[in-house]
Amino acid sequence: MTRFYRQAVSTLAISTLAIVASGAGHAKAEALKVGILATLEGTYTLLGQDGVRGIEVALGAAKKMAGGREIETIVASTDTTPDSAVRAARKLIEQDGVQIIIGPVSGSEGIAIRDYAKTKPDVTFINGSSGAMETTYVDPSANFFRFNTDGAQWSAGLGKYVYDKKGYKTVATVGEDYSFIYTQVFGFVTEFCGAGGKVANRFWVPLGTKDFASIIAALPDDVDAIYLGLGGGDAVNFLNQYQQAGGSAKLIGGTIMVDGTVLTSQGKAKEALIGTPSSGPQADTWNDPKWQAWVKKYQDFFPADKRFPTPSLFATTYANATNAMLQCLEKTGGDLSGGQAKFRECLSTLTLDAPNGHITLDKNRQAVGSNFVTEVAQLADGSLANNLVEKVDNVSQTLGIDPAAFAKIGLPSRDVPECKASY
């Protein structure tokens, strides 16, 4: 990408060069540096890679321009840990001089970046895909904006669906032991138990677990299904080992358990997911024209062997974050003066007409949007995809529960929420 360097020349020379270059008497605006945080190391590497693809598609459609300014991106790698995210963000700001950051991917990274954002009030942070509830629900940062719904919102509709339609009355859960999956289980449990369901056991494993033998051996036999809150390499490892152990329980997928990063993995273990209900911010087979146009744009932008068959939720959420940035840069003429006040006001009030539905932000700059209940299906070409079952609109961060009652539930953790018939 072209970089612009200032030279010590006279005011007259600057004016003359500007007139010659533009023919309009105005100097070309300085390029805008945008930092990208993505997990390009560790168990969520494939997730981060597709997030970057989403940004590339969005910027490509805009010809890397917005508000009269060229957009220059600088990517910094993280590994899902909070420390890695903060180190990467600090490098982008202090060494690379970025004015806007898009990212991160993972839940605990997002909480750390929210806190770091408070120390950098002149930089605007737009979340990539991280979905821990606390990031915006607890002590939000005025310069942190999240255009994706959180992990609990991604569970909307699933608990009632598996209880009412699949007939699952008692489940056990297996999840990665960190903030995003706590948030996912929070959303599932409140709705499932509110419908009348029971949660028999909750098992937690560290991110990056290779050996699931002890967890598989401990899974109860007297449950109707097992909810799996795993993603990336962890999800694939579990499925392989579960099949090898002869496991045959009905499964319920957390959002990233059935994402494209898992459904396109090598081997046959993923076939155990066929028929698995799940939910999240998109559905692969949705026939909405805007969604279909986004899928085609993604597919056309990369060779088939350099992408997933359809964009993962990480491509979609990162593209949405980028498009929010582009639209507000365009609206404000690229003006980031005055602590980026005009730009941030635009972000706060924007209605993003995204391929996965309309998205608005609440008072904490947290997305309110649609959620999709799905089941994994095998398509005619043999590939697996999330087939739309139902769409739930206008899902707020308090999940339709009275805000005061919601606050009393407590923050997502290994044991919160309790399984109760009413909240």
Protein backbone atom coordinates (compact mmCIF):
# COMPACT_ATOMS: atom_id res chain seq x y z
CA MET A 1 0.00 0.00 0.00
CA THR A 2 1.16 3.57 -0.75
CA ARG A 3 2.55 5.48 2.23
CA PHE A 4 2.68 9.24 2.40
CA TYR A 5 5.71 10.97 3.84
CA ARG A 6 5.82 14.64 4.73
CA GLN A 7 8.68 16.70 3.41
CA ALA A 8 9.97 19.99 4.74
CA VAL A 9 8.94 22.22 1.86
CA SER A 10 7.49 25.69 1.80
CA THR A 11 3.79 26.40 2.02
CA LEU A 12 3.89 27.75 -1.50
CA ALA A 13 5.47 24.55 -2.80
CA ILE A 14 2.87 22.41 -1.04
CA SER A 15 0.05 24.43 -2.57
CA THR A 16 1.57 24.25 -6.02
CA LEU A 17 2.07 20.49 -5.84
CA ALA A 18 -1.48 19.98 -4.59
CA ILE A 19 -2.97 21.98 -7.45
CA VAL A 20 -0.93 20.06 -10.01
CA ALA A 21 -1.79 16.69 -8.46
CA SER A 22 -5.49 17.18 -7.91
CA GLY A 23 -6.51 19.96 -10.22
CA ALA A 24 -8.84 21.08 -7.43
CA GLY A 25 -6.56 23.10 -5.19
CA HIS A 26 -6.79 20.63 -2.27
CA ALA A 27 -4.00 18.39 -0.97
CA LYS A 28 -4.71 14.68 -0.94
CA ALA A 29 -5.61 13.50 2.55
CA GLU A 30 -3.04 11.55 4.49
CA ALA A 31 -3.45 7.77 4.43
CA LEU A 32 -5.25 6.32 7.45
CA LYS A 33 -3.47 3.53 9.31
CA VAL A 34 -5.77 0.83 10.67
CA GLY A 35 -4.48 -1.95 12.91
CA ILE A 36 -5.89 -5.49 12.76
CA LEU A 37 -5.77 -7.90 15.70
CA ALA A 38 -6.26 -11.56 14.74
CA THR A 39 -5.43 -14.94 16.27
CA LEU A 40 -2.81 -16.19 13.82
CA GLU A 41 -1.22 -18.51 16.38
CA GLY A 42 -2.57 -21.39 18.48
CA THR A 43 -5.82 -23.33 18.49
CA TYR A 44 -7.86 -20.50 16.90
CA THR A 45 -5.48 -19.79 14.01
CA LEU A 46 -8.02 -20.71 11.32
CA LEU A 47 -10.58 -18.42 12.94
CA GLY A 48 -8.22 -15.46 12.84
CA GLN A 49 -7.21 -16.15 9.26
CA ASP A 50 -10.82 -16.01 8.11
CA GLY A 51 -11.37 -12.82 10.07
CA VAL A 52 -8.56 -11.22 8.05
CA ARG A 53 -10.20 -12.50 4.86
CA GLY A 54 -13.39 -10.70 5.84
CA ILE A 55 -11.49 -7.43 6.17
CA GLU A 56 -9.80 -7.97 2.81
CA VAL A 57 -13.16 -8.46 1.09
CA ALA A 58 -14.68 -5.35 2.70
CA LEU A 59 -11.67 -3.16 1.90
CA GLY A 60 -11.43 -4.57 -1.61
CA ALA A 61 -15.03 -3.58 -2.33
CA ALA A 62 -14.21 -0.05 -1.18
CA LYS A 63 -10.96 0.04 -3.18
CA LYS A 64 -9.22 0.66 0.15
CA MET A 65 -10.63 4.19 0.27
CA ALA A 66 -13.10 5.97 2.55
CA GLY A 67 -13.81 9.62 3.23
CA GLY A 68 -11.23 10.60 0.64
CA ARG A 69 -8.48 8.72 2.48
CA GLU A 70 -6.54 5.64 1.51
CA ILE A 71 -6.75 2.85 4.09
CA GLU A 72 -3.49 1.18 5.05
CA THR A 73 -3.83 -1.92 7.24
CA ILE A 74 -1.24 -3.46 9.54
CA VAL A 75 -1.97 -6.94 10.93
CA ALA A 76 -0.71 -8.00 14.37
CA SER A 77 -0.90 -11.63 15.50
CA THR A 78 -2.34 -12.85 18.81
CA ASP A 79 -2.75 -16.32 20.33
CA THR A 80 -6.07 -15.98 22.29
CA THR A 81 -4.34 -14.83 25.50
CA PRO A 82 -5.07 -11.37 26.93
CA ASP A 83 -1.36 -10.53 27.18
CA SER A 84 -0.76 -11.31 23.51
CA ALA A 85 -3.67 -9.08 22.49
CA VAL A 86 -2.47 -6.12 24.54
CA ARG A 87 1.12 -6.52 23.32
CA ALA A 88 -0.09 -6.56 19.73
CA ALA A 89 -2.34 -3.53 20.23
CA ARG A 90 0.45 -1.58 21.94
CA LYS A 91 2.78 -2.32 19.04
CA LEU A 92 0.19 -1.18 16.50
CA ILE A 93 -0.36 2.12 18.30
CA GLU A 94 3.09 2.98 19.64
CA GLN A 95 5.24 1.68 16.78
CA ASP A 96 2.96 1.69 13.73
CA GLY A 97 0.93 4.77 14.59
CA VAL A 98 -2.54 3.37 13.86
CA GLN A 99 -5.58 5.50 14.68
CA ILE A 100 -8.19 2.72 14.58
CA ILE A 101 -7.93 -0.93 15.64
CA ILE A 102 -10.25 -3.73 14.47
CA GLY A 103 -10.22 -6.90 16.59
CA PRO A 104 -9.70 -9.13 18.49
CA VAL A 105 -11.06 -12.65 17.85
CA SER A 106 -11.28 -14.31 21.25
CA GLY A 107 -13.32 -13.54 24.37
CA SER A 108 -10.67 -12.94 27.01
CA GLU A 109 -8.68 -10.93 24.48
CA GLY A 110 -11.69 -8.65 24.08
CA ILE A 111 -11.94 -7.94 27.81
CA ALA A 112 -8.23 -7.07 27.91
CA ILE A 113 -8.51 -4.80 24.87
CA ARG A 114 -11.50 -3.01 26.41
CA ASP A 115 -9.36 -2.19 29.44
CA TYR A 116 -6.38 -1.21 27.29
CA ALA A 117 -8.64 1.05 25.20
CA LYS A 118 -9.27 3.20 28.27
CA THR A 119 -5.57 4.09 28.34
CA LYS A 120 -5.63 5.15 24.65
CA PRO A 121 -8.56 7.59 24.40
CA ASP A 122 -7.40 9.00 21.05
CA VAL A 123 -7.67 5.59 19.32
CA THR A 124 -10.98 3.99 18.32
CA PHE A 125 -11.35 0.23 18.86
CA ILE A 126 -13.92 -1.74 16.86
CA ASN A 127 -14.31 -5.34 17.98
CA GLY A 128 -13.58 -8.13 15.51
CA SER A 129 -15.50 -11.16 16.80
CA SER A 130 -14.71 -11.57 20.52
CA GLY A 131 -17.89 -12.46 22.35
CA ALA A 132 -17.43 -12.40 26.13
CA MET A 133 -20.36 -10.64 27.79
CA GLU A 134 -18.23 -8.58 30.19
CA THR A 135 -16.45 -6.76 27.37
CA THR A 136 -19.31 -4.31 26.96
CA TYR A 137 -21.69 -5.22 29.79
CA VAL A 138 -19.28 -4.44 32.64
CA ASP A 139 -17.51 -1.06 32.85
CA PRO A 140 -17.52 -0.45 29.08
CA SER A 141 -14.94 1.75 27.39
CA ALA A 142 -16.18 4.88 25.60
CA ASN A 143 -13.89 4.22 22.61
CA PHE A 144 -14.70 0.49 22.19
CA PHE A 145 -17.51 -0.49 19.79
CA ARG A 146 -18.84 -4.01 19.18
CA PHE A 147 -20.92 -4.61 16.04
CA ASN A 148 -21.26 -8.33 16.77
CA THR A 149 -23.65 -9.80 19.31
CA ASP A 150 -21.99 -11.63 22.21
CA GLY A 151 -21.81 -15.33 23.00
CA ALA A 152 -25.00 -15.36 25.07
CA GLN A 153 -26.87 -13.55 22.30
CA TRP A 154 -25.49 -16.19 19.89
CA SER A 155 -27.38 -18.78 21.98
CA ALA A 156 -30.78 -17.10 21.58
CA GLY A 157 -33.42 -19.56 20.43
CA LEU A 158 -31.31 -22.69 20.89
CA GLY A 159 -32.39 -23.68 24.41
CA LYS A 160 -36.10 -23.56 23.57
CA TYR A 161 -35.54 -25.31 20.25
CA VAL A 162 -33.74 -28.33 21.69
CA TYR A 163 -36.23 -28.59 24.58
CA ASP A 164 -39.44 -28.11 22.59
CA LYS A 165 -38.54 -29.52 19.17
CA LYS A 166 -35.74 -32.02 19.80
CA GLY A 167 -37.16 -33.29 23.09
CA TYR A 168 -33.90 -32.90 25.06
CA LYS A 169 -34.87 -32.52 28.72
CA THR A 170 -31.52 -33.14 30.45
CA VAL A 171 -28.07 -32.25 29.13
CA ALA A 172 -24.42 -32.13 30.17
CA THR A 173 -22.05 -29.44 28.91
CA VAL A 174 -18.39 -29.55 27.87
CA GLY A 175 -16.68 -26.22 27.30
CA GLU A 176 -13.36 -24.45 27.04
CA ASP A 177 -12.52 -22.86 30.37
CA TYR A 178 -12.59 -19.15 29.52
CA SER A 179 -14.84 -16.13 29.23
CA PHE A 180 -16.40 -16.61 25.79
CA ILE A 181 -17.59 -20.15 26.44
CA TYR A 182 -18.84 -19.13 29.89
CA THR A 183 -20.93 -16.55 28.00
CA GLN A 184 -22.17 -19.12 25.48
CA VAL A 185 -23.21 -21.57 28.20
CA PHE A 186 -24.83 -18.67 30.09
CA GLY A 187 -27.10 -17.93 27.16
CA PHE A 188 -27.94 -21.56 26.53
CA VAL A 189 -28.61 -22.47 30.17
CA THR A 190 -30.87 -19.49 30.93
CA GLU A 191 -33.12 -20.33 27.99
CA PHE A 192 -32.96 -24.15 28.24
CA CYS A 193 -33.62 -24.21 31.98
CA GLY A 194 -36.25 -21.50 31.61
CA ALA A 195 -38.06 -23.83 29.20
CA GLY A 196 -37.97 -26.64 31.79
CA GLY A 197 -34.66 -28.34 31.04
CA LYS A 198 -32.04 -29.61 33.50
CA VAL A 199 -28.22 -29.45 33.33
CA ALA A 200 -26.72 -32.54 34.95
CA ASN A 201 -22.99 -31.76 34.71
CA ARG A 202 -20.68 -29.01 33.47
CA PHE A 203 -17.18 -30.00 32.37
CA TRP A 204 -14.42 -27.47 31.62
CA VAL A 205 -11.17 -27.96 29.71
CA PRO A 206 -8.25 -25.59 29.03
CA LEU A 207 -7.95 -23.95 25.63
CA GLY A 208 -5.61 -26.02 23.49
CA THR A 209 -6.53 -29.38 25.08
CA LYS A 210 -5.10 -32.30 23.12
CA ASP A 211 -6.30 -35.27 25.20
CA PHE A 212 -10.02 -35.48 26.04
CA ALA A 213 -9.94 -39.09 27.30
CA SER A 214 -10.74 -38.26 30.93
CA ILE A 215 -13.61 -35.94 29.97
CA ILE A 216 -15.10 -38.47 27.55
CA ALA A 217 -14.91 -41.20 30.19
CA ALA A 218 -16.70 -38.99 32.71
CA LEU A 219 -19.60 -38.01 30.45
CA PRO A 220 -22.89 -39.26 31.95
CA ASP A 221 -25.02 -41.81 30.11
CA ASP A 222 -28.34 -40.63 31.52
CA VAL A 223 -28.62 -37.36 29.60
CA ASP A 224 -30.50 -36.67 26.38
CA ALA A 225 -27.67 -34.72 24.77
CA ILE A 226 -24.26 -33.14 25.33
CA TYR A 227 -23.69 -29.44 24.69
CA LEU A 228 -20.21 -28.82 23.25
CA GLY A 229 -18.64 -25.41 23.73
CA LEU A 230 -15.41 -26.08 21.85
CA GLY A 231 -13.82 -24.52 18.80
CA GLY A 232 -10.93 -24.76 16.36
CA GLY A 233 -8.42 -27.52 17.05
CA ASP A 234 -10.11 -28.38 20.35
CA ALA A 235 -13.39 -29.18 18.59
CA VAL A 236 -11.69 -31.39 16.01
CA ASN A 237 -9.63 -33.22 18.65
CA PHE A 238 -12.73 -33.91 20.75
CA LEU A 239 -14.74 -35.24 17.80
CA ASN A 240 -11.93 -37.56 16.71
CA GLN A 241 -11.42 -38.96 20.21
CA TYR A 242 -15.14 -39.18 20.94
CA GLN A 243 -15.74 -41.28 17.85
CA GLN A 244 -12.74 -43.48 18.60
CA ALA A 245 -14.18 -44.09 22.06
CA GLY A 246 -17.47 -45.18 20.53
CA GLY A 247 -19.43 -42.16 21.71
CA SER A 248 -22.93 -41.94 20.29
CA ALA A 249 -24.77 -39.33 22.36
CA LYS A 250 -26.87 -36.65 20.74
CA LEU A 251 -24.89 -33.42 20.43
CA ILE A 252 -25.74 -29.73 20.71
CA GLY A 253 -23.20 -27.35 19.24
CA GLY A 254 -21.95 -24.13 20.70
CA THR A 255 -21.54 -21.56 17.95
CA ILE A 256 -17.89 -22.21 17.12
CA MET A 257 -18.30 -25.99 17.48
CA VAL A 258 -20.10 -26.02 14.13
CA ASP A 259 -18.38 -23.11 12.42
CA GLY A 260 -16.77 -23.51 9.01
CA THR A 261 -13.40 -23.97 10.66
CA VAL A 262 -14.66 -27.29 12.06
CA LEU A 263 -17.08 -28.34 9.32
CA THR A 264 -14.29 -28.17 6.71
CA SER A 265 -11.68 -29.98 8.82
CA GLN A 266 -9.93 -33.10 7.53
CA GLY A 267 -11.21 -36.59 8.37
CA LYS A 268 -14.61 -38.11 9.04
CA ALA A 269 -15.01 -37.15 12.69
CA LYS A 270 -16.90 -34.01 11.70
CA GLU A 271 -19.65 -36.23 10.24
CA ALA A 272 -20.74 -36.89 13.82
CA LEU A 273 -22.08 -33.33 13.72
CA ILE A 274 -24.66 -34.02 10.98
CA GLY A 275 -28.06 -33.16 12.44
CA THR A 276 -26.54 -31.25 15.36
CA PRO A 277 -28.58 -28.20 16.39
CA SER A 278 -26.72 -25.00 17.12
CA SER A 279 -27.11 -21.24 16.84
CA GLY A 280 -25.12 -18.14 16.04
CA PRO A 281 -25.02 -14.86 14.15
CA GLN A 282 -25.44 -16.41 10.70
CA ALA A 283 -26.76 -19.43 8.80
CA ASP A 284 -24.91 -20.80 5.78
CA THR A 285 -28.03 -21.67 3.80
CA TRP A 286 -30.07 -18.52 4.48
CA ASN A 287 -31.70 -17.47 1.20
CA ASP A 288 -31.73 -13.75 1.95
CA PRO A 289 -30.34 -11.83 -1.10
CA LYS A 290 -27.90 -9.76 0.98
CA TRP A 291 -26.51 -12.89 2.59
CA GLN A 292 -26.20 -14.67 -0.74
CA ALA A 293 -24.44 -11.62 -2.23
CA TRP A 294 -21.95 -11.60 0.66
CA VAL A 295 -21.23 -15.32 0.22
CA LYS A 296 -20.57 -14.83 -3.50
CA LYS A 297 -18.36 -11.80 -2.87
CA TYR A 298 -16.29 -13.84 -0.40
CA GLN A 299 -16.08 -16.82 -2.75
CA ASP A 300 -15.08 -14.69 -5.72
CA PHE A 301 -12.39 -12.83 -3.79
CA PHE A 302 -10.24 -15.90 -3.00
CA PRO A 303 -9.32 -19.13 -4.84
CA ALA A 304 -11.37 -22.08 -3.55
CA ASP A 305 -8.33 -23.64 -1.88
CA LYS A 306 -7.56 -20.42 0.02
CA ARG A 307 -10.92 -20.01 1.81
CA PHE A 308 -13.85 -21.86 3.31
CA PRO A 309 -16.81 -22.88 1.08
CA THR A 310 -18.80 -20.07 2.70
CA PRO A 311 -17.57 -17.28 4.99
CA SER A 312 -17.22 -18.27 8.61
CA LEU A 313 -18.77 -16.05 11.26
CA PHE A 314 -15.29 -14.59 11.79
CA ALA A 315 -15.11 -13.39 8.20
CA THR A 316 -18.60 -11.93 8.56
CA THR A 317 -18.06 -10.15 11.87
CA TYR A 318 -14.69 -8.69 10.84
CA ALA A 319 -16.20 -7.56 7.53
CA ASN A 320 -19.10 -5.95 9.41
CA ALA A 321 -16.69 -4.11 11.72
CA THR A 322 -14.75 -2.89 8.70
CA ASN A 323 -17.87 -1.77 6.88
CA ALA A 324 -19.03 0.16 9.95
CA MET A 325 -15.67 1.94 9.95
CA LEU A 326 -15.81 2.64 6.21
CA GLN A 327 -19.34 4.01 6.34
CA CYS A 328 -18.55 6.39 9.18
CA LEU A 329 -15.30 7.54 7.59
CA GLU A 330 -17.27 8.28 4.44
CA LYS A 331 -19.99 10.12 6.34
CA THR A 332 -17.48 12.28 8.23
CA GLY A 333 -15.16 12.88 5.29
CA GLY A 334 -12.40 10.97 7.05
CA ASP A 335 -12.32 13.56 9.85
CA LEU A 336 -10.73 12.07 12.99
CA SER A 337 -10.00 15.38 14.67
CA GLY A 338 -11.15 16.32 18.15
CA GLY A 339 -10.61 12.87 19.64
CA GLN A 340 -12.43 11.30 16.69
CA ALA A 341 -15.68 12.72 18.07
CA LYS A 342 -17.64 12.88 14.80
CA PHE A 343 -16.48 9.41 13.77
CA ARG A 344 -17.48 7.89 17.11
CA GLU A 345 -20.85 9.63 17.12
CA CYS A 346 -21.50 8.06 13.73
CA LEU A 347 -20.52 4.59 14.99
CA SER A 348 -22.75 4.97 18.05
CA THR A 349 -25.84 5.83 16.03
CA LEU A 350 -25.20 3.71 12.93
CA THR A 351 -27.72 1.16 11.73
CA LEU A 352 -25.51 -1.34 9.92
CA ASP A 353 -27.34 -3.05 7.08
CA ALA A 354 -25.16 -6.16 7.36
CA PRO A 355 -25.46 -9.39 5.36
CA ASN A 356 -26.60 -11.19 8.52
CA GLY A 357 -29.27 -8.62 9.39
CA HIS A 358 -29.64 -5.07 10.70
CA ILE A 359 -27.32 -4.22 13.59
CA THR A 360 -27.63 -1.30 15.99
CA LEU A 361 -25.66 -0.46 19.13
CA ASP A 362 -27.08 -0.02 22.62
CA LYS A 363 -25.92 2.56 25.19
CA ASN A 364 -22.81 0.46 25.92
CA ARG A 365 -21.94 0.37 22.18
CA GLN A 366 -22.92 -3.30 22.11
CA ALA A 367 -24.66 -4.86 19.12
CA VAL A 368 -28.36 -5.68 19.07
CA GLY A 369 -29.12 -7.96 16.14
CA SER A 370 -30.49 -11.20 14.75
CA ASN A 371 -29.59 -14.74 15.75
CA PHE A 372 -30.01 -17.94 13.75
CA VAL A 373 -30.93 -21.42 15.03
CA THR A 374 -29.44 -24.04 12.70
CA GLU A 375 -28.80 -27.74 12.20
CA VAL A 376 -25.71 -29.18 10.53
CA ALA A 377 -26.68 -30.66 7.17
CA GLN A 378 -24.81 -32.48 4.42
CA LEU A 379 -25.21 -30.68 1.10
CA ALA A 380 -25.51 -32.25 -2.34
CA ASP A 381 -21.76 -31.86 -2.94
CA GLY A 382 -20.95 -33.73 0.28
CA SER A 383 -19.89 -30.65 2.24
CA LEU A 384 -21.37 -29.73 5.62
CA ALA A 385 -23.19 -26.50 6.36
CA ASN A 386 -25.39 -24.88 8.98
CA ASN A 387 -28.93 -25.10 7.67
CA LEU A 388 -31.35 -22.40 8.85
CA VAL A 389 -34.11 -23.56 11.21
CA GLU A 390 -35.37 -20.26 12.58
CA LYS A 391 -34.31 -16.63 12.95
CA VAL A 392 -34.65 -14.60 16.15
CA ASP A 393 -34.60 -10.82 15.69
CA ASN A 394 -33.62 -7.90 17.92
CA VAL A 395 -31.67 -9.94 20.45
CA SER A 396 -30.41 -7.61 23.18
CA GLN A 397 -27.55 -8.27 25.58
CA THR A 398 -30.02 -9.00 28.40
CA LEU A 399 -31.70 -11.67 26.24
CA GLY A 400 -35.20 -10.29 26.68
CA ILE A 401 -34.96 -10.67 30.47
CA ASP A 402 -35.79 -7.63 32.58
CA PRO A 403 -32.45 -5.78 33.01
CA ALA A 404 -32.71 -5.70 36.80
CA ALA A 405 -33.47 -9.42 36.95
CA PHE A 406 -30.72 -10.12 34.44
CA ALA A 407 -28.16 -8.28 36.58
CA LYS A 408 -29.06 -10.47 39.57
CA ILE A 409 -28.15 -13.65 37.67
CA GLY A 410 -24.47 -12.74 37.94
CA LEU A 411 -21.67 -12.72 35.41
CA PRO A 412 -20.93 -15.82 33.32
CA SER A 413 -18.59 -18.29 35.01
CA ARG A 414 -18.15 -22.03 35.50
CA ASP A 415 -21.19 -22.15 37.78
CA VAL A 416 -23.23 -19.12 36.68
CA PRO A 417 -26.03 -19.13 35.76
CA GLU A 418 -27.78 -21.59 38.01
CA CYS A 419 -30.25 -23.80 36.20
CA LYS A 420 -33.60 -22.21 37.19
CA ALA A 421 -37.08 -22.29 35.75
CA SER A 422 -37.33 -18.50 35.98
CA TYR A 423 -34.89 -15.62 36.09
